[in-house]
C-alpha atoms as a PDB file:
ATOM      1  CA  UNK A   1      54.886 -21.678  93.956  1.00  0.00           C
ATOM      2  CA  UNK A   2      56.050 -19.355  95.952  1.00  0.00           C
ATOM      3  CA  UNK A   3      56.131 -15.756  97.054  1.00  0.00           C
ATOM      4  CA  UNK A   4      58.253 -13.757  94.517  1.00  0.00           C
ATOM      5  CA  UNK A   5      57.307 -16.513  91.379  1.00  0.00           C
ATOM      6  CA  UNK A   6      53.656 -15.499  92.501  1.00  0.00           C
ATOM      7  CA  UNK A   7      54.620 -11.698  92.095  1.00  0.00           C
ATOM      8  CA  UNK A   8      56.771 -11.994  88.624  1.00  0.00           C
ATOM      9  CA  UNK A   9      54.301 -13.882  87.298  1.00  0.00           C
ATOM     10  CA  UNK A  10      51.557 -10.937  87.969  1.00  0.00           C
ATOM     11  CA  UNK A  11      53.829  -8.476  86.805  1.00  0.00           C
ATOM     12  CA  UNK A  12      53.969 -10.113  83.449  1.00  0.00           C
ATOM     13  CA  UNK A  13      50.304 -10.549  83.387  1.00  0.00           C
ATOM     14  CA  UNK A  14      49.507  -7.098  83.919  1.00  0.00           C
ATOM     15  CA  UNK A  15      52.317  -5.687  81.846  1.00  0.00           C
ATOM     16  CA  UNK A  16      51.222  -7.706  79.146  1.00  0.00           C
ATOM     17  CA  UNK A  17      47.788  -6.390  79.727  1.00  0.00           C
ATOM     18  CA  UNK A  18      48.460  -2.796  79.707  1.00  0.00           C
ATOM     19  CA  UNK A  19      50.434  -3.509  76.834  1.00  0.00           C
ATOM     20  CA  UNK A  20      47.579  -5.197  74.793  1.00  0.00           C
ATOM     21  CA  UNK A  21      45.478  -2.091  76.068  1.00  0.00           C
ATOM     22  CA  UNK A  22      47.707   0.931  74.705  1.00  0.00           C
ATOM     23  CA  UNK A  23      48.382  -0.619  71.320  1.00  0.00           C
ATOM     24  CA  UNK A  24      44.108  -1.127  71.114  1.00  0.00           C
ATOM     25  CA  UNK A  25      44.330   2.292  72.219  1.00  0.00           C
ATOM     26  CA  UNK A  26      46.839   3.366  69.722  1.00  0.00           C
ATOM     27  CA  UNK A  27      45.453   1.427  67.100  1.00  0.00           C
ATOM     28  CA  UNK A  28      41.983   2.587  67.568  1.00  0.00           C
ATOM     29  CA  UNK A  29      43.622   6.249  67.490  1.00  0.00           C
ATOM     30  CA  UNK A  30      45.022   5.850  64.088  1.00  0.00           C
ATOM     31  CA  UNK A  31      42.129   4.675  62.600  1.00  0.00           C
ATOM     32  CA  UNK A  32      39.576   7.200  63.925  1.00  0.00           C
ATOM     33  CA  UNK A  33      41.482  10.459  64.048  1.00  0.00           C
ATOM     34  CA  UNK A  34      40.280  13.001  61.362  1.00  0.00           C
ATOM     35  CA  UNK A  35      43.238  13.686  59.038  1.00  0.00           C
ATOM     36  CA  UNK A  36      44.085  17.598  58.291  1.00  0.00           C
ATOM     37  CA  UNK A  37      41.831  17.148  54.740  1.00  0.00           C
ATOM     38  CA  UNK A  38      38.998  15.524  56.661  1.00  0.00           C
ATOM     39  CA  UNK A  39      38.564  18.818  58.769  1.00  0.00           C
ATOM     40  CA  UNK A  40      38.133  21.125  56.069  1.00  0.00           C
ATOM     41  CA  UNK A  41      35.819  18.977  54.275  1.00  0.00           C
ATOM     42  CA  UNK A  42      33.574  19.004  57.371  1.00  0.00           C
ATOM     43  CA  UNK A  43      34.305  22.988  57.867  1.00  0.00           C
ATOM     44  CA  UNK A  44      32.980  23.332  54.462  1.00  0.00           C
ATOM     45  CA  UNK A  45      29.981  20.753  55.203  1.00  0.00           C
ATOM     46  CA  UNK A  46      29.148  22.617  58.689  1.00  0.00           C
ATOM     47  CA  UNK A  47      28.772  25.828  56.267  1.00  0.00           C
ATOM     48  CA  UNK A  48      26.651  24.435  53.737  1.00  0.00           C
ATOM     49  CA  UNK A  49      24.451  23.084  56.228  1.00  0.00           C
ATOM     50  CA  UNK A  50      24.255  26.260  58.094  1.00  0.00           C
ATOM     51  CA  UNK A  51      23.602  28.214  54.439  1.00  0.00           C
ATOM     52  CA  UNK A  52      21.155  25.638  53.787  1.00  0.00           C
ATOM     53  CA  UNK A  53      18.954  25.959  57.044  1.00  0.00           C
ATOM     54  CA  UNK A  54      19.268  30.271  56.710  1.00  0.00           C
ATOM     55  CA  UNK A  55      17.871  29.770  53.024  1.00  0.00           C
ATOM     56  CA  UNK A  56      14.958  27.248  54.181  1.00  0.00           C
ATOM     57  CA  UNK A  57      13.798  29.394  56.976  1.00  0.00           C
ATOM     58  CA  UNK A  58      13.806  32.818  55.201  1.00  0.00           C
ATOM     59  CA  UNK A  59      11.297  30.243  52.212  1.00  0.00           C
ATOM     60  CA  UNK A  60       9.376  29.421  55.456  1.00  0.00           C
ATOM     61  CA  UNK A  61       9.208  33.055  55.683  1.00  0.00           C
ATOM     62  CA  UNK A  62       8.585  34.379  52.374  1.00  0.00           C
ATOM     63  CA  UNK A  63       5.916  30.733  52.415  1.00  0.00           C
ATOM     64  CA  UNK A  64       4.548  32.565  55.112  1.00  0.00           C
ATOM     65  CA  UNK A  65       3.813  35.910  54.528  1.00  0.00           C
ATOM     66  CA  UNK A  66       2.392  34.632  51.129  1.00  0.00           C
ATOM     67  CA  UNK A  67      -0.175  32.522  52.572  1.00  0.00           C
ATOM     68  CA  UNK A  68      -1.432  35.473  54.718  1.00  0.00           C
ATOM     69  CA  UNK A  69      -1.643  37.552  51.558  1.00  0.00           C
ATOM     70  CA  UNK A  70      -3.664  34.786  49.754  1.00  0.00           C
ATOM     71  CA  UNK A  71      -6.099  34.464  52.393  1.00  0.00           C
ATOM     72  CA  UNK A  72      -6.445  38.293  52.541  1.00  0.00           C
ATOM     73  CA  UNK A  73      -7.182  38.367  49.051  1.00  0.00           C
ATOM     74  CA  UNK A  74      -9.612  34.983  49.836  1.00  0.00           C
ATOM     75  CA  UNK A  75     -11.488  37.268  52.566  1.00  0.00           C
ATOM     76  CA  UNK A  76     -11.664  40.481  50.496  1.00  0.00           C
ATOM     77  CA  UNK A  77     -12.764  38.364  47.469  1.00  0.00           C
ATOM     78  CA  UNK A  78     -15.249  36.571  49.463  1.00  0.00           C
ATOM     79  CA  UNK A  79     -16.819  39.891  50.853  1.00  0.00           C
ATOM     80  CA  UNK A  80     -16.779  40.867  46.911  1.00  0.00           C
ATOM     81  CA  UNK A  81     -18.860  38.255  46.159  1.00  0.00           C
ATOM     82  CA  UNK A  82     -21.176  38.617  49.239  1.00  0.00           C
ATOM     83  CA  UNK A  83     -22.140  42.138  48.024  1.00  0.00           C
ATOM     84  CA  UNK A  84     -22.445  41.525  44.153  1.00  0.00           C
ATOM     85  CA  UNK A  85     -24.725  38.093  45.269  1.00  0.00           C
ATOM     86  CA  UNK A  86     -26.957  40.407  47.865  1.00  0.00           C
ATOM     87  CA  UNK A  87     -26.827  43.476  45.339  1.00  0.00           C
ATOM     88  CA  UNK A  88     -28.010  40.843  42.441  1.00  0.00           C
ATOM     89  CA  UNK A  89     -30.622  39.901  44.872  1.00  0.00           C
ATOM     90  CA  UNK A  90     -31.288  43.277  45.520  1.00  0.00           C
ATOM     91  CA  UNK A  91     -31.704  43.823  41.719  1.00  0.00           C
ATOM     92  CA  UNK A  92     -33.961  40.966  41.120  1.00  0.00           C
ATOM     93  CA  UNK A  93     -36.630  41.775  43.844  1.00  0.00           C
ATOM     94  CA  UNK A  94     -36.494  45.442  41.887  1.00  0.00           C
ATOM     95  CA  UNK A  95     -36.591  44.054  38.363  1.00  0.00           C
ATOM     96  CA  UNK A  96     -40.080  41.807  39.928  1.00  0.00           C
ATOM     97  CA  UNK A  97     -41.575  44.665  41.379  1.00  0.00           C
ATOM     98  CA  UNK A  98     -41.569  46.602  38.346  1.00  0.00           C
ATOM     99  CA  UNK A  99     -42.508  43.558  36.441  1.00  0.00           C
ATOM    100  CA  UNK A 100     -45.586  43.382  38.773  1.00  0.00           C
ATOM    101  CA  UNK A 101     -46.017  47.084  38.954  1.00  0.00           C
ATOM    102  CA  UNK A 102     -46.206  46.950  34.263  1.00  0.00           C
ATOM    103  CA  UNK A 103     -48.353  43.335  34.822  1.00  0.00           C
ATOM    104  CA  UNK A 104     -50.650  45.937  37.096  1.00  0.00           C
ATOM    105  CA  UNK A 105     -50.788  48.523  35.213  1.00  0.00           C
ATOM    106  CA  UNK A 106     -51.246  47.412  31.829  1.00  0.00           C
ATOM    107  CA  UNK A 107     -53.883  45.513  33.826  1.00  0.00           C
ATOM    108  CA  UNK A 108     -55.659  48.650  34.624  1.00  0.00           C
ATOM    109  CA  UNK A 109     -55.709  49.899  31.380  1.00  0.00           C
END
């Protein structure tokens, strides 16, 4: 094989490689390109996703506020319960003192 034949063979091989690469690129581009209808669908899905995220954020904010309100109510209820228990304890102690006083008065008479 002389120099001219080698150059021609190399040129043919390079041309075939280029043609195969170009064909492969065209084929991949043809199968993966997004059609106009698909782009509208993607826009709609993106908008729906955005709205869902906003709704989720609002729900989380509402739940956090509601949780804070309920925790405040629980704290107030516990404070009222402690006060009522203390009052009941005082009332029992006072009733016991009254019983003992009455018993002493009956015992003295």
